[in-house]
Amino acid sequence: MTTPADVAEQAERVALRLREHLPLTPFVRYDAFSEELGAEVLVKCEHQQRTGSFKARGALAKVLTLTDAERAAGVITASTGNHGLGVGNALATLGGHGIVYLPENAAPGKVAALRRLGLELRAEGNDTGALEIKARAYAAEHGLTYVPPYNDPDVVAGQGTVGVEIVAQLDGAPLDAVVVAVGGGGLISGVAAVLKKHLPDIRVYGAQPAADDAMAASVRAGEIVQVDAGQTLSDGTAGSVEPGSITFGLCRELVDDWVLVEEDAIRDALRTVIDAEHQLIEGSAALAFAAARERRTELAGKRVAIVSCGGNMSSSTLVAALA
């Protein structure tokens, strides 16, 4: 069983290797949200990461464990877009061939970016959980390496390097809470494991769309369950949780509170970030800002980190969201 201590130790170990290939992202105060929440809001700007998402970290961490021969034989994954971009970036950096199973409703801008990276794309249905099962089966049948979007210790540790950087950027200053968008749970598992090691009293908030809350529903049920998911602007968190995922147990242990956010609130948060901070973020990042708003009463007077997890939003999606 992968424990939070395992994740934190591995994240701190791999962080130095990732810094050879990926930039340190800013960790800065957002004044408009600080004023609105009556808190000091510090934002980890993963929307400025290479490929436009934190997913570059976990994918690279996993691909770094492969031999030249394994990368040449080919890797395969399933993704709504951002993880696939991370895999493509890792292969462009280290060499190798990749295949991505993605939903038919994947954001067009992400699909175009995947093609530019030279990945072979296979669009089948819209259930990311089912796509993960297909990708794993294809890898086993054809001798390829499957790179999971979240259900893998190396991937979770790679996402945990976001937490490693936050600790370093705090430089000894306190932090009371962190808000993280949750899909499969890789990001929040990694970040929370690292932050709770160094800041054991920190409160971890997991944000999910009310329309698609698979991980929160699973934690409530005490087992991984399927939900009747609806459409959400937070496409990066969409989809079911893979059966047996290591992130389920990590989320049960590490997440202190779940915040389910309605679509109007996600859109309102997106508008505020664009108007007040002049930053383009995607729906899954706006989800975390909206969740912080939902908990404004208990966050008032505290130092709060929000992980802005990605910035890959197409112009058509943006226009529709702001209409």
C-alpha atoms as a PDB file:
ATOM      1  CA  MET A   1       0.000   0.000   0.000  1.00  0.00           C
ATOM      2  CA  THR A   2       1.285   3.464  -0.934  1.00  0.00           C
ATOM      3  CA  THR A   3       1.303   5.699   2.145  1.00  0.00           C
ATOM      4  CA  PRO A   4       1.457   9.507   2.410  1.00  0.00           C
ATOM      5  CA  ALA A   5       4.986   9.150   3.821  1.00  0.00           C
ATOM      6  CA  ASP A   6       5.996   7.123   0.747  1.00  0.00           C
ATOM      7  CA  VAL A   7       4.564   9.773  -1.577  1.00  0.00           C
ATOM      8  CA  ALA A   8       6.252  12.675   0.228  1.00  0.00           C
ATOM      9  CA  GLU A   9       9.643  10.953   0.282  1.00  0.00           C
ATOM     10  CA  GLN A  10       9.469  10.059  -3.403  1.00  0.00           C
ATOM     11  CA  ALA A  11       8.236  13.537  -4.395  1.00  0.00           C
ATOM     12  CA  GLU A  12      11.157  15.189  -2.649  1.00  0.00           C
ATOM     13  CA  ARG A  13      13.547  12.755  -4.316  1.00  0.00           C
ATOM     14  CA  VAL A  14      12.208  13.266  -7.845  1.00  0.00           C
ATOM     15  CA  ALA A  15      11.825  17.055  -7.576  1.00  0.00           C
ATOM     16  CA  LEU A  16      15.491  17.681  -8.396  1.00  0.00           C
ATOM     17  CA  ARG A  17      15.283  15.523 -11.519  1.00  0.00           C
ATOM     18  CA  LEU A  18      12.187  17.315 -12.758  1.00  0.00           C
ATOM     19  CA  ARG A  19      13.811  20.717 -12.284  1.00  0.00           C
ATOM     20  CA  GLU A  20      16.318  19.721 -14.967  1.00  0.00           C
ATOM     21  CA  HIS A  21      13.469  19.751 -17.486  1.00  0.00           C
ATOM     22  CA  LEU A  22      10.567  21.797 -16.071  1.00  0.00           C
ATOM     23  CA  PRO A  23      10.461  25.382 -14.763  1.00  0.00           C
ATOM     24  CA  LEU A  24       9.656  26.477 -11.220  1.00  0.00           C
ATOM     25  CA  THR A  25       6.168  27.998 -11.357  1.00  0.00           C
ATOM     26  CA  PRO A  26       5.259  31.208  -9.484  1.00  0.00           C
ATOM     27  CA  PHE A  27       3.634  31.155  -6.044  1.00  0.00           C
ATOM     28  CA  VAL A  28       2.113  34.604  -5.702  1.00  0.00           C
ATOM     29  CA  ARG A  29      -0.555  36.575  -3.868  1.00  0.00           C
ATOM     30  CA  TYR A  30      -3.813  37.280  -5.737  1.00  0.00           C
ATOM     31  CA  ASP A  31      -5.061  40.560  -4.328  1.00  0.00           C
ATOM     32  CA  ALA A  32      -8.675  40.407  -5.527  1.00  0.00           C
ATOM     33  CA  PHE A  33      -9.312  37.001  -3.969  1.00  0.00           C
ATOM     34  CA  SER A  34      -7.407  37.980  -0.824  1.00  0.00           C
ATOM     35  CA  GLU A  35      -9.637  41.011  -0.369  1.00  0.00           C
ATOM     36  CA  GLU A  36     -12.835  39.096  -1.143  1.00  0.00           C
ATOM     37  CA  LEU A  37     -12.071  36.196   1.212  1.00  0.00           C
ATOM     38  CA  GLY A  38     -10.539  38.352   3.932  1.00  0.00           C
ATOM     39  CA  ALA A  39      -7.532  36.029   3.755  1.00  0.00           C
ATOM     40  CA  GLU A  40      -4.062  35.997   2.265  1.00  0.00           C
ATOM     41  CA  VAL A  41      -4.532  33.980  -0.904  1.00  0.00           C
ATOM     42  CA  LEU A  42      -1.376  32.606  -2.491  1.00  0.00           C
ATOM     43  CA  VAL A  43      -1.693  30.939  -5.893  1.00  0.00           C
ATOM     44  CA  LYS A  44       0.584  28.204  -7.228  1.00  0.00           C
ATOM     45  CA  CYS A  45       0.500  29.026 -10.930  1.00  0.00           C
ATOM     46  CA  GLU A  46       0.597  25.623 -12.603  1.00  0.00           C
ATOM     47  CA  HIS A  47      -1.351  27.159 -15.492  1.00  0.00           C
ATOM     48  CA  GLN A  48       2.063  28.650 -16.377  1.00  0.00           C
ATOM     49  CA  GLN A  49       3.776  25.245 -16.348  1.00  0.00           C
ATOM     50  CA  ARG A  50       5.118  23.748 -19.570  1.00  0.00           C
ATOM     51  CA  THR A  51       2.194  22.213 -21.524  1.00  0.00           C
ATOM     52  CA  GLY A  52      -0.103  24.527 -19.528  1.00  0.00           C
ATOM     53  CA  SER A  53      -0.737  22.088 -16.676  1.00  0.00           C
ATOM     54  CA  PHE A  54       0.717  20.363 -13.613  1.00  0.00           C
ATOM     55  CA  LYS A  55       0.303  17.098 -15.536  1.00  0.00           C
ATOM     56  CA  ALA A  56       3.708  17.653 -17.129  1.00  0.00           C
ATOM     57  CA  ARG A  57       5.210  16.716 -13.755  1.00  0.00           C
ATOM     58  CA  GLY A  58       3.655  13.308 -13.165  1.00  0.00           C
ATOM     59  CA  ALA A  59       4.063  12.209 -16.768  1.00  0.00           C
ATOM     60  CA  LEU A  60       7.741  13.161 -16.811  1.00  0.00           C
ATOM     61  CA  ALA A  61       8.340  11.503 -13.436  1.00  0.00           C
ATOM     62  CA  LYS A  62       6.947   8.248 -14.826  1.00  0.00           C
ATOM     63  CA  VAL A  63       8.696   8.396 -18.196  1.00  0.00           C
ATOM     64  CA  LEU A  64      12.002   9.077 -16.438  1.00  0.00           C
ATOM     65  CA  THR A  65      11.746   5.606 -14.872  1.00  0.00           C
ATOM     66  CA  LEU A  66      11.666   3.916 -18.307  1.00  0.00           C
ATOM     67  CA  THR A  67      14.643   2.637 -20.267  1.00  0.00           C
ATOM     68  CA  ASP A  68      15.498   3.881 -23.748  1.00  0.00           C
ATOM     69  CA  ALA A  69      14.203   0.577 -25.124  1.00  0.00           C
ATOM     70  CA  GLU A  70      10.880   0.903 -23.280  1.00  0.00           C
ATOM     71  CA  ARG A  71      10.338   4.422 -24.576  1.00  0.00           C
ATOM     72  CA  ALA A  72      11.253   3.359 -28.119  1.00  0.00           C
ATOM     73  CA  ALA A  73       8.814   0.434 -27.953  1.00  0.00           C
ATOM     74  CA  GLY A  74       6.105   2.935 -27.110  1.00  0.00           C
ATOM     75  CA  VAL A  75       4.051   4.257 -24.222  1.00  0.00           C
ATOM     76  CA  ILE A  76       0.290   4.605 -24.052  1.00  0.00           C
ATOM     77  CA  THR A  77      -2.093   6.543 -21.844  1.00  0.00           C
ATOM     78  CA  ALA A  78      -5.677   7.778 -21.480  1.00  0.00           C
ATOM     79  CA  SER A  79      -6.384  11.461 -20.981  1.00  0.00           C
ATOM     80  CA  THR A  80      -8.893  14.285 -21.368  1.00  0.00           C
ATOM     81  CA  GLY A  81      -5.940  16.255 -22.748  1.00  0.00           C
ATOM     82  CA  ASN A  82      -3.592  17.613 -20.094  1.00  0.00           C
ATOM     83  CA  HIS A  83      -2.035  14.293 -19.064  1.00  0.00           C
ATOM     84  CA  GLY A  84      -1.598  13.379 -22.710  1.00  0.00           C
ATOM     85  CA  LEU A  85       0.202  16.674 -23.259  1.00  0.00           C
ATOM     86  CA  GLY A  86       2.434  15.837 -20.307  1.00  0.00           C
ATOM     87  CA  VAL A  87       3.276  12.447 -21.794  1.00  0.00           C
ATOM     88  CA  GLY A  88       3.941  14.035 -25.170  1.00  0.00           C
ATOM     89  CA  ASN A  89       6.242  16.616 -23.593  1.00  0.00           C
ATOM     90  CA  ALA A  90       8.126  13.897 -21.699  1.00  0.00           C
ATOM     91  CA  LEU A  91       8.638  11.892 -24.886  1.00  0.00           C
ATOM     92  CA  ALA A  92       9.695  14.991 -26.818  1.00  0.00           C
ATOM     93  CA  THR A  93      12.245  15.642 -24.074  1.00  0.00           C
ATOM     94  CA  LEU A  94      13.537  12.099 -23.577  1.00  0.00           C
ATOM     95  CA  GLY A  95      12.645  10.367 -26.847  1.00  0.00           C
ATOM     96  CA  GLY A  96      10.049   7.708 -27.648  1.00  0.00           C
ATOM     97  CA  HIS A  97       6.670   7.045 -29.252  1.00  0.00           C
ATOM     98  CA  GLY A  98       3.267   7.583 -27.616  1.00  0.00           C
ATOM     99  CA  ILE A  99      -0.417   6.721 -28.076  1.00  0.00           C
ATOM    100  CA  VAL A 100      -3.233   8.570 -26.293  1.00  0.00           C
ATOM    101  CA  TYR A 101      -6.805   7.357 -25.808  1.00  0.00           C
ATOM    102  CA  LEU A 102      -8.965  10.431 -25.328  1.00  0.00           C
ATOM    103  CA  PRO A 103     -12.692  11.185 -25.129  1.00  0.00           C
ATOM    104  CA  GLU A 104     -14.533  12.235 -28.253  1.00  0.00           C
ATOM    105  CA  ASN A 105     -15.538  15.477 -26.510  1.00  0.00           C
ATOM    106  CA  ALA A 106     -11.954  16.460 -25.616  1.00  0.00           C
ATOM    107  CA  ALA A 107     -11.236  20.191 -25.929  1.00  0.00           C
ATOM    108  CA  PRO A 108     -10.228  20.957 -29.544  1.00  0.00           C
ATOM    109  CA  GLY A 109      -7.260  23.055 -28.485  1.00  0.00           C
ATOM    110  CA  LYS A 110      -5.863  20.192 -26.426  1.00  0.00           C
ATOM    111  CA  VAL A 111      -6.387  17.758 -29.305  1.00  0.00           C
ATOM    112  CA  ALA A 112      -4.495  20.060 -31.673  1.00  0.00           C
ATOM    113  CA  ALA A 113      -1.638  20.385 -29.182  1.00  0.00           C
ATOM    114  CA  LEU A 114      -1.465  16.594 -28.806  1.00  0.00           C
ATOM    115  CA  ARG A 115      -1.161  16.242 -32.580  1.00  0.00           C
ATOM    116  CA  ARG A 116       1.636  18.819 -32.683  1.00  0.00           C
ATOM    117  CA  LEU A 117       3.589  16.695 -30.222  1.00  0.00           C
ATOM    118  CA  GLY A 118       3.416  13.799 -32.672  1.00  0.00           C
ATOM    119  CA  LEU A 119       1.219  11.544 -30.557  1.00  0.00           C
ATOM    120  CA  GLU A 120      -1.047   8.918 -32.065  1.00  0.00           C
ATOM    121  CA  LEU A 121      -4.618   9.722 -30.971  1.00  0.00           C
ATOM    122  CA  ARG A 122      -7.551   7.350 -30.479  1.00  0.00           C
ATOM    123  CA  ALA A 123     -10.888   8.962 -29.596  1.00  0.00           C
ATOM    124  CA  GLU A 124     -13.447   6.506 -28.216  1.00  0.00           C
ATOM    125  CA  GLY A 125     -16.493   7.497 -26.169  1.00  0.00           C
ATOM    126  CA  ASN A 126     -16.498  10.017 -23.323  1.00  0.00           C
ATOM    127  CA  ASP A 127     -15.929   7.909 -20.199  1.00  0.00           C
ATOM    128  CA  THR A 128     -12.331   8.465 -19.109  1.00  0.00           C
ATOM    129  CA  GLY A 129     -12.500   5.516 -16.723  1.00  0.00           C
ATOM    130  CA  ALA A 130     -13.397   3.195 -19.594  1.00  0.00           C
ATOM    131  CA  LEU A 131     -10.621   4.705 -21.701  1.00  0.00           C
ATOM    132  CA  GLU A 132      -8.081   3.965 -18.962  1.00  0.00           C
ATOM    133  CA  ILE A 133      -9.148   0.312 -18.975  1.00  0.00           C
ATOM    134  CA  LYS A 134      -8.828   0.158 -22.782  1.00  0.00           C
ATOM    135  CA  ALA A 135      -5.399   1.758 -22.729  1.00  0.00           C
ATOM    136  CA  ARG A 136      -4.123  -0.636 -20.069  1.00  0.00           C
ATOM    137  CA  ALA A 137      -5.442  -3.618 -22.031  1.00  0.00           C
ATOM    138  CA  TYR A 138      -3.827  -2.420 -25.261  1.00  0.00           C
ATOM    139  CA  ALA A 139      -0.507  -1.897 -23.494  1.00  0.00           C
ATOM    140  CA  ALA A 140      -0.578  -5.422 -22.071  1.00  0.00           C
ATOM    141  CA  GLU A 141      -1.491  -6.961 -25.424  1.00  0.00           C
ATOM    142  CA  HIS A 142       1.143  -5.123 -27.467  1.00  0.00           C
ATOM    143  CA  GLY A 143       4.032  -4.866 -25.021  1.00  0.00           C
ATOM    144  CA  LEU A 144       3.789  -1.117 -24.459  1.00  0.00           C
ATOM    145  CA  THR A 145       4.209   0.801 -21.213  1.00  0.00           C
ATOM    146  CA  TYR A 146       1.039   2.309 -19.767  1.00  0.00           C
ATOM    147  CA  VAL A 147       1.493   5.730 -18.166  1.00  0.00           C
ATOM    148  CA  PRO A 148      -1.512   6.254 -15.842  1.00  0.00           C
ATOM    149  CA  PRO A 149      -2.960   9.733 -15.404  1.00  0.00           C
ATOM    150  CA  TYR A 150      -3.058   9.297 -11.610  1.00  0.00           C
ATOM    151  CA  ASN A 151      -3.095   5.648 -10.463  1.00  0.00           C
ATOM    152  CA  ASP A 152       0.658   5.165 -10.134  1.00  0.00           C
ATOM    153  CA  PRO A 153       3.158   5.977  -7.346  1.00  0.00           C
ATOM    154  CA  ASP A 154       5.619   7.653  -9.742  1.00  0.00           C
ATOM    155  CA  VAL A 155       2.893   9.846 -11.232  1.00  0.00           C
ATOM    156  CA  VAL A 156       1.520  10.854  -7.819  1.00  0.00           C
ATOM    157  CA  ALA A 157       5.035  11.660  -6.607  1.00  0.00           C
ATOM    158  CA  GLY A 158       5.598  13.788  -9.695  1.00  0.00           C
ATOM    159  CA  GLN A 159       2.446  15.780  -8.946  1.00  0.00           C
ATOM    160  CA  GLY A 160       3.647  16.036  -5.354  1.00  0.00           C
ATOM    161  CA  THR A 161       6.566  18.163  -6.535  1.00  0.00           C
ATOM    162  CA  VAL A 162       4.023  21.012  -6.641  1.00  0.00           C
ATOM    163  CA  GLY A 163       3.943  20.666  -2.848  1.00  0.00           C
ATOM    164  CA  VAL A 164       7.735  20.454  -2.654  1.00  0.00           C
ATOM    165  CA  GLU A 165       7.977  23.791  -4.457  1.00  0.00           C
ATOM    166  CA  ILE A 166       5.299  25.397  -2.267  1.00  0.00           C
ATOM    167  CA  VAL A 167       7.209  24.436   0.874  1.00  0.00           C
ATOM    168  CA  ALA A 168      10.413  25.921  -0.545  1.00  0.00           C
ATOM    169  CA  GLN A 169       8.632  29.087  -1.724  1.00  0.00           C
ATOM    170  CA  LEU A 170       7.024  29.589   1.691  1.00  0.00           C
ATOM    171  CA  ASP A 171      10.570  29.833   3.068  1.00  0.00           C
ATOM    172  CA  GLY A 172       9.431  29.009   6.581  1.00  0.00           C
ATOM    173  CA  ALA A 173       6.263  31.133   6.545  1.00  0.00           C
ATOM    174  CA  PRO A 174       3.020  29.529   7.796  1.00  0.00           C
ATOM    175  CA  LEU A 175       0.214  28.171   5.638  1.00  0.00           C
ATOM    176  CA  ASP A 176      -3.188  27.291   7.061  1.00  0.00           C
ATOM    177  CA  ALA A 177      -5.000  25.692   4.133  1.00  0.00           C
ATOM    178  CA  VAL A 178      -4.668  24.519   0.551  1.00  0.00           C
ATOM    179  CA  VAL A 179      -7.431  24.149  -2.055  1.00  0.00           C
ATOM    180  CA  VAL A 180      -6.936  21.701  -4.921  1.00  0.00           C
ATOM    181  CA  ALA A 181      -9.193  20.588  -7.780  1.00  0.00           C
ATOM    182  CA  VAL A 182      -9.720  16.822  -7.836  1.00  0.00           C
ATOM    183  CA  GLY A 183     -10.364  14.417 -10.678  1.00  0.00           C
ATOM    184  CA  GLY A 184      -8.569  11.106 -10.250  1.00  0.00           C
ATOM    185  CA  GLY A 185      -6.833  12.445  -7.151  1.00  0.00           C
ATOM    186  CA  GLY A 186      -3.189  12.378  -8.208  1.00  0.00           C
ATOM    187  CA  LEU A 187      -2.540  16.092  -7.667  1.00  0.00           C
ATOM    188  CA  ILE A 188      -4.210  16.428  -4.281  1.00  0.00           C
ATOM    189  CA  SER A 189      -2.657  13.160  -3.060  1.00  0.00           C
ATOM    190  CA  GLY A 190       0.837  14.332  -3.935  1.00  0.00           C
ATOM    191  CA  VAL A 191       0.448  17.911  -2.744  1.00  0.00           C
ATOM    192  CA  ALA A 192      -1.295  16.994   0.507  1.00  0.00           C
ATOM    193  CA  ALA A 193       1.234  14.269   1.362  1.00  0.00           C
ATOM    194  CA  VAL A 194       4.124  16.722   1.056  1.00  0.00           C
ATOM    195  CA  LEU A 195       2.419  19.655   2.772  1.00  0.00           C
ATOM    196  CA  LYS A 196       1.154  17.586   5.706  1.00  0.00           C
ATOM    197  CA  LYS A 197       4.664  16.233   6.261  1.00  0.00           C
ATOM    198  CA  HIS A 198       6.026  19.752   6.703  1.00  0.00           C
ATOM    199  CA  LEU A 199       2.855  21.518   7.926  1.00  0.00           C
ATOM    200  CA  PRO A 200       0.930  18.865   9.854  1.00  0.00           C
ATOM    201  CA  ASP A 201      -1.855  21.264  10.895  1.00  0.00           C
ATOM    202  CA  ILE A 202      -2.678  22.412   7.366  1.00  0.00           C
ATOM    203  CA  ARG A 203      -6.278  21.863   6.235  1.00  0.00           C
ATOM    204  CA  VAL A 204      -6.673  20.285   2.781  1.00  0.00           C
ATOM    205  CA  TYR A 205      -9.778  21.085   0.713  1.00  0.00           C
ATOM    206  CA  GLY A 206     -10.641  18.925  -2.293  1.00  0.00           C
ATOM    207  CA  ALA A 207     -12.758  20.677  -4.924  1.00  0.00           C
ATOM    208  CA  GLN A 208     -15.028  18.825  -7.348  1.00  0.00           C
ATOM    209  CA  PRO A 209     -17.830  19.920  -9.655  1.00  0.00           C
ATOM    210  CA  ALA A 210     -21.239  19.101  -8.232  1.00  0.00           C
ATOM    211  CA  ALA A 211     -22.014  17.685 -11.679  1.00  0.00           C
ATOM    212  CA  ASP A 212     -19.138  15.169 -11.582  1.00  0.00           C
ATOM    213  CA  ASP A 213     -17.962  14.300  -8.072  1.00  0.00           C
ATOM    214  CA  ALA A 214     -16.684  10.732  -8.447  1.00  0.00           C
ATOM    215  CA  MET A 215     -13.872  10.884  -5.886  1.00  0.00           C
ATOM    216  CA  ALA A 216     -15.886  12.729  -3.232  1.00  0.00           C
ATOM    217  CA  ALA A 217     -18.774  10.297  -3.707  1.00  0.00           C
ATOM    218  CA  SER A 218     -16.380   7.366  -3.410  1.00  0.00           C
ATOM    219  CA  VAL A 219     -14.893   8.699  -0.181  1.00  0.00           C
ATOM    220  CA  ARG A 220     -18.399   9.189   1.236  1.00  0.00           C
ATOM    221  CA  ALA A 221     -19.340   5.641   0.242  1.00  0.00           C
ATOM    222  CA  GLY A 222     -16.144   4.098   1.599  1.00  0.00           C
ATOM    223  CA  GLU A 223     -15.416   2.481  -1.767  1.00  0.00           C
ATOM    224  CA  ILE A 224     -14.897   3.522  -5.365  1.00  0.00           C
ATOM    225  CA  VAL A 225     -18.293   4.137  -6.953  1.00  0.00           C
ATOM    226  CA  GLN A 226     -19.619   5.305 -10.298  1.00  0.00           C
ATOM    227  CA  VAL A 227     -21.600   8.538 -10.488  1.00  0.00           C
ATOM    228  CA  ASP A 228     -24.129   9.792 -12.999  1.00  0.00           C
ATOM    229  CA  ALA A 229     -21.856  12.559 -14.276  1.00  0.00           C
ATOM    230  CA  GLY A 230     -23.098  15.661 -16.046  1.00  0.00           C
ATOM    231  CA  GLN A 231     -21.324  18.141 -18.286  1.00  0.00           C
ATOM    232  CA  THR A 232     -18.879  20.456 -16.511  1.00  0.00           C
ATOM    233  CA  LEU A 233     -16.641  23.368 -17.422  1.00  0.00           C
ATOM    234  CA  SER A 234     -14.010  21.587 -15.309  1.00  0.00           C
ATOM    235  CA  ASP A 235     -13.246  19.068 -18.049  1.00  0.00           C
ATOM    236  CA  GLY A 236      -9.799  18.363 -16.588  1.00  0.00           C
ATOM    237  CA  THR A 237     -11.390  16.729 -13.526  1.00  0.00           C
ATOM    238  CA  ALA A 238     -14.105  14.860 -15.414  1.00  0.00           C
ATOM    239  CA  GLY A 239     -14.550  11.099 -15.332  1.00  0.00           C
ATOM    240  CA  SER A 240     -14.793   8.135 -13.014  1.00  0.00           C
ATOM    241  CA  VAL A 241     -12.082   6.823 -10.676  1.00  0.00           C
ATOM    242  CA  GLU A 242     -10.273   3.700 -11.826  1.00  0.00           C
ATOM    243  CA  PRO A 243     -11.085   0.623  -9.723  1.00  0.00           C
ATOM    244  CA  GLY A 244      -8.313  -0.072  -7.213  1.00  0.00           C
ATOM    245  CA  SER A 245      -6.702   3.354  -7.634  1.00  0.00           C
ATOM    246  CA  ILE A 246      -4.056   4.153  -5.018  1.00  0.00           C
ATOM    247  CA  THR A 247      -5.377   7.713  -4.898  1.00  0.00           C
ATOM    248  CA  PHE A 248      -8.630   6.616  -3.268  1.00  0.00           C
ATOM    249  CA  GLY A 249      -6.929   5.590  -0.036  1.00  0.00           C
ATOM    250  CA  LEU A 250      -4.662   8.636  -0.121  1.00  0.00           C
ATOM    251  CA  CYS A 251      -7.634  10.970  -0.566  1.00  0.00           C
ATOM    252  CA  ARG A 252      -9.512   9.289   2.292  1.00  0.00           C
ATOM    253  CA  GLU A 253      -6.551   9.885   4.592  1.00  0.00           C
ATOM    254  CA  LEU A 254      -5.343  13.293   3.424  1.00  0.00           C
ATOM    255  CA  VAL A 255      -8.361  15.377   2.360  1.00  0.00           C
ATOM    256  CA  ASP A 256     -10.025  17.132   5.277  1.00  0.00           C
ATOM    257  CA  ASP A 257     -13.049  18.580   3.488  1.00  0.00           C
ATOM    258  CA  TRP A 258     -14.763  18.156   0.126  1.00  0.00           C
ATOM    259  CA  VAL A 259     -16.275  21.163  -1.637  1.00  0.00           C
ATOM    260  CA  LEU A 260     -18.788  20.489  -4.417  1.00  0.00           C
ATOM    261  CA  VAL A 261     -19.134  23.476  -6.732  1.00  0.00           C
ATOM    262  CA  GLU A 262     -21.963  24.395  -9.095  1.00  0.00           C
ATOM    263  CA  GLU A 263     -21.232  25.366 -12.697  1.00  0.00           C
ATOM    264  CA  ASP A 264     -22.252  29.014 -12.288  1.00  0.00           C
ATOM    265  CA  ALA A 265     -19.741  29.390  -9.462  1.00  0.00           C
ATOM    266  CA  ILE A 266     -16.948  27.908 -11.601  1.00  0.00           C
ATOM    267  CA  ARG A 267     -17.750  30.371 -14.397  1.00  0.00           C
ATOM    268  CA  ASP A 268     -17.850  33.300 -11.958  1.00  0.00           C
ATOM    269  CA  ALA A 269     -14.431  32.380 -10.568  1.00  0.00           C
ATOM    270  CA  LEU A 270     -13.036  32.143 -14.102  1.00  0.00           C
ATOM    271  CA  ARG A 271     -14.299  35.650 -14.843  1.00  0.00           C
ATOM    272  CA  THR A 272     -12.726  37.056 -11.685  1.00  0.00           C
ATOM    273  CA  VAL A 273      -9.299  35.575 -12.404  1.00  0.00           C
ATOM    274  CA  ILE A 274      -9.366  36.904 -15.961  1.00  0.00           C
ATOM    275  CA  ASP A 275     -10.657  40.357 -15.024  1.00  0.00           C
ATOM    276  CA  ALA A 276      -8.706  40.947 -11.799  1.00  0.00           C
ATOM    277  CA  GLU A 277      -5.479  39.021 -12.370  1.00  0.00           C
ATOM    278  CA  HIS A 278      -5.353  39.001 -16.181  1.00  0.00           C
ATOM    279  CA  GLN A 279      -4.566  35.287 -16.183  1.00  0.00           C
ATOM    280  CA  LEU A 280      -6.179  32.734 -18.483  1.00  0.00           C
ATOM    281  CA  ILE A 281      -6.960  29.558 -16.571  1.00  0.00           C
ATOM    282  CA  GLU A 282      -9.058  26.529 -17.473  1.00  0.00           C
ATOM    283  CA  GLY A 283     -12.207  25.299 -15.812  1.00  0.00           C
ATOM    284  CA  SER A 284     -10.487  22.876 -13.452  1.00  0.00           C
ATOM    285  CA  ALA A 285      -8.346  25.708 -12.078  1.00  0.00           C
ATOM    286  CA  ALA A 286     -11.381  27.980 -11.749  1.00  0.00           C
ATOM    287  CA  LEU A 287     -12.984  25.148  -9.767  1.00  0.00           C
ATOM    288  CA  ALA A 288     -10.368  25.535  -7.020  1.00  0.00           C
ATOM    289  CA  PHE A 289     -10.906  29.306  -6.828  1.00  0.00           C
ATOM    290  CA  ALA A 290     -14.670  28.769  -6.656  1.00  0.00           C
ATOM    291  CA  ALA A 291     -14.239  26.221  -3.857  1.00  0.00           C
ATOM    292  CA  ALA A 292     -12.209  28.735  -1.835  1.00  0.00           C
ATOM    293  CA  ARG A 293     -15.105  31.164  -2.227  1.00  0.00           C
ATOM    294  CA  GLU A 294     -17.501  28.502  -0.952  1.00  0.00           C
ATOM    295  CA  ARG A 295     -15.415  28.232   2.235  1.00  0.00           C
ATOM    296  CA  ARG A 296     -14.732  31.937   2.649  1.00  0.00           C
ATOM    297  CA  THR A 297     -16.152  32.114   6.173  1.00  0.00           C
ATOM    298  CA  GLU A 298     -13.799  29.504   7.609  1.00  0.00           C
ATOM    299  CA  LEU A 299     -10.829  30.713   5.531  1.00  0.00           C
ATOM    300  CA  ALA A 300     -11.151  34.352   6.657  1.00  0.00           C
ATOM    301  CA  GLY A 301      -8.022  35.597   8.404  1.00  0.00           C
ATOM    302  CA  LYS A 302      -5.910  32.644   7.233  1.00  0.00           C
ATOM    303  CA  ARG A 303      -3.077  32.105   4.741  1.00  0.00           C
ATOM    304  CA  VAL A 304      -4.494  29.980   1.953  1.00  0.00           C
ATOM    305  CA  ALA A 305      -2.861  28.350  -1.062  1.00  0.00           C
ATOM    306  CA  ILE A 306      -4.858  27.681  -4.213  1.00  0.00           C
ATOM    307  CA  VAL A 307      -3.342  25.389  -6.817  1.00  0.00           C
ATOM    308  CA  SER A 308      -4.232  26.840 -10.220  1.00  0.00           C
ATOM    309  CA  CYS A 309      -3.778  23.533 -11.979  1.00  0.00           C
ATOM    310  CA  GLY A 310      -4.014  24.421 -15.669  1.00  0.00           C
ATOM    311  CA  GLY A 311      -4.586  26.989 -18.376  1.00  0.00           C
ATOM    312  CA  ASN A 312      -5.531  24.965 -21.444  1.00  0.00           C
ATOM    313  CA  MET A 313      -8.864  26.434 -22.475  1.00  0.00           C
ATOM    314  CA  SER A 314      -9.930  26.817 -26.102  1.00  0.00           C
ATOM    315  CA  SER A 315     -11.317  30.113 -27.352  1.00  0.00           C
ATOM    316  CA  SER A 316     -14.691  28.510 -28.122  1.00  0.00           C
ATOM    317  CA  THR A 317     -15.001  27.098 -24.586  1.00  0.00           C
ATOM    318  CA  LEU A 318     -13.970  30.442 -23.132  1.00  0.00           C
ATOM    319  CA  VAL A 319     -16.555  32.341 -25.168  1.00  0.00           C
ATOM    320  CA  ALA A 320     -19.273  29.907 -24.117  1.00  0.00           C
ATOM    321  CA  ALA A 321     -18.232  30.097 -20.453  1.00  0.00           C
ATOM    322  CA  LEU A 322     -18.283  33.879 -20.380  1.00  0.00           C
ATOM    323  CA  ALA A 323     -21.485  34.333 -22.399  1.00  0.00           C
END
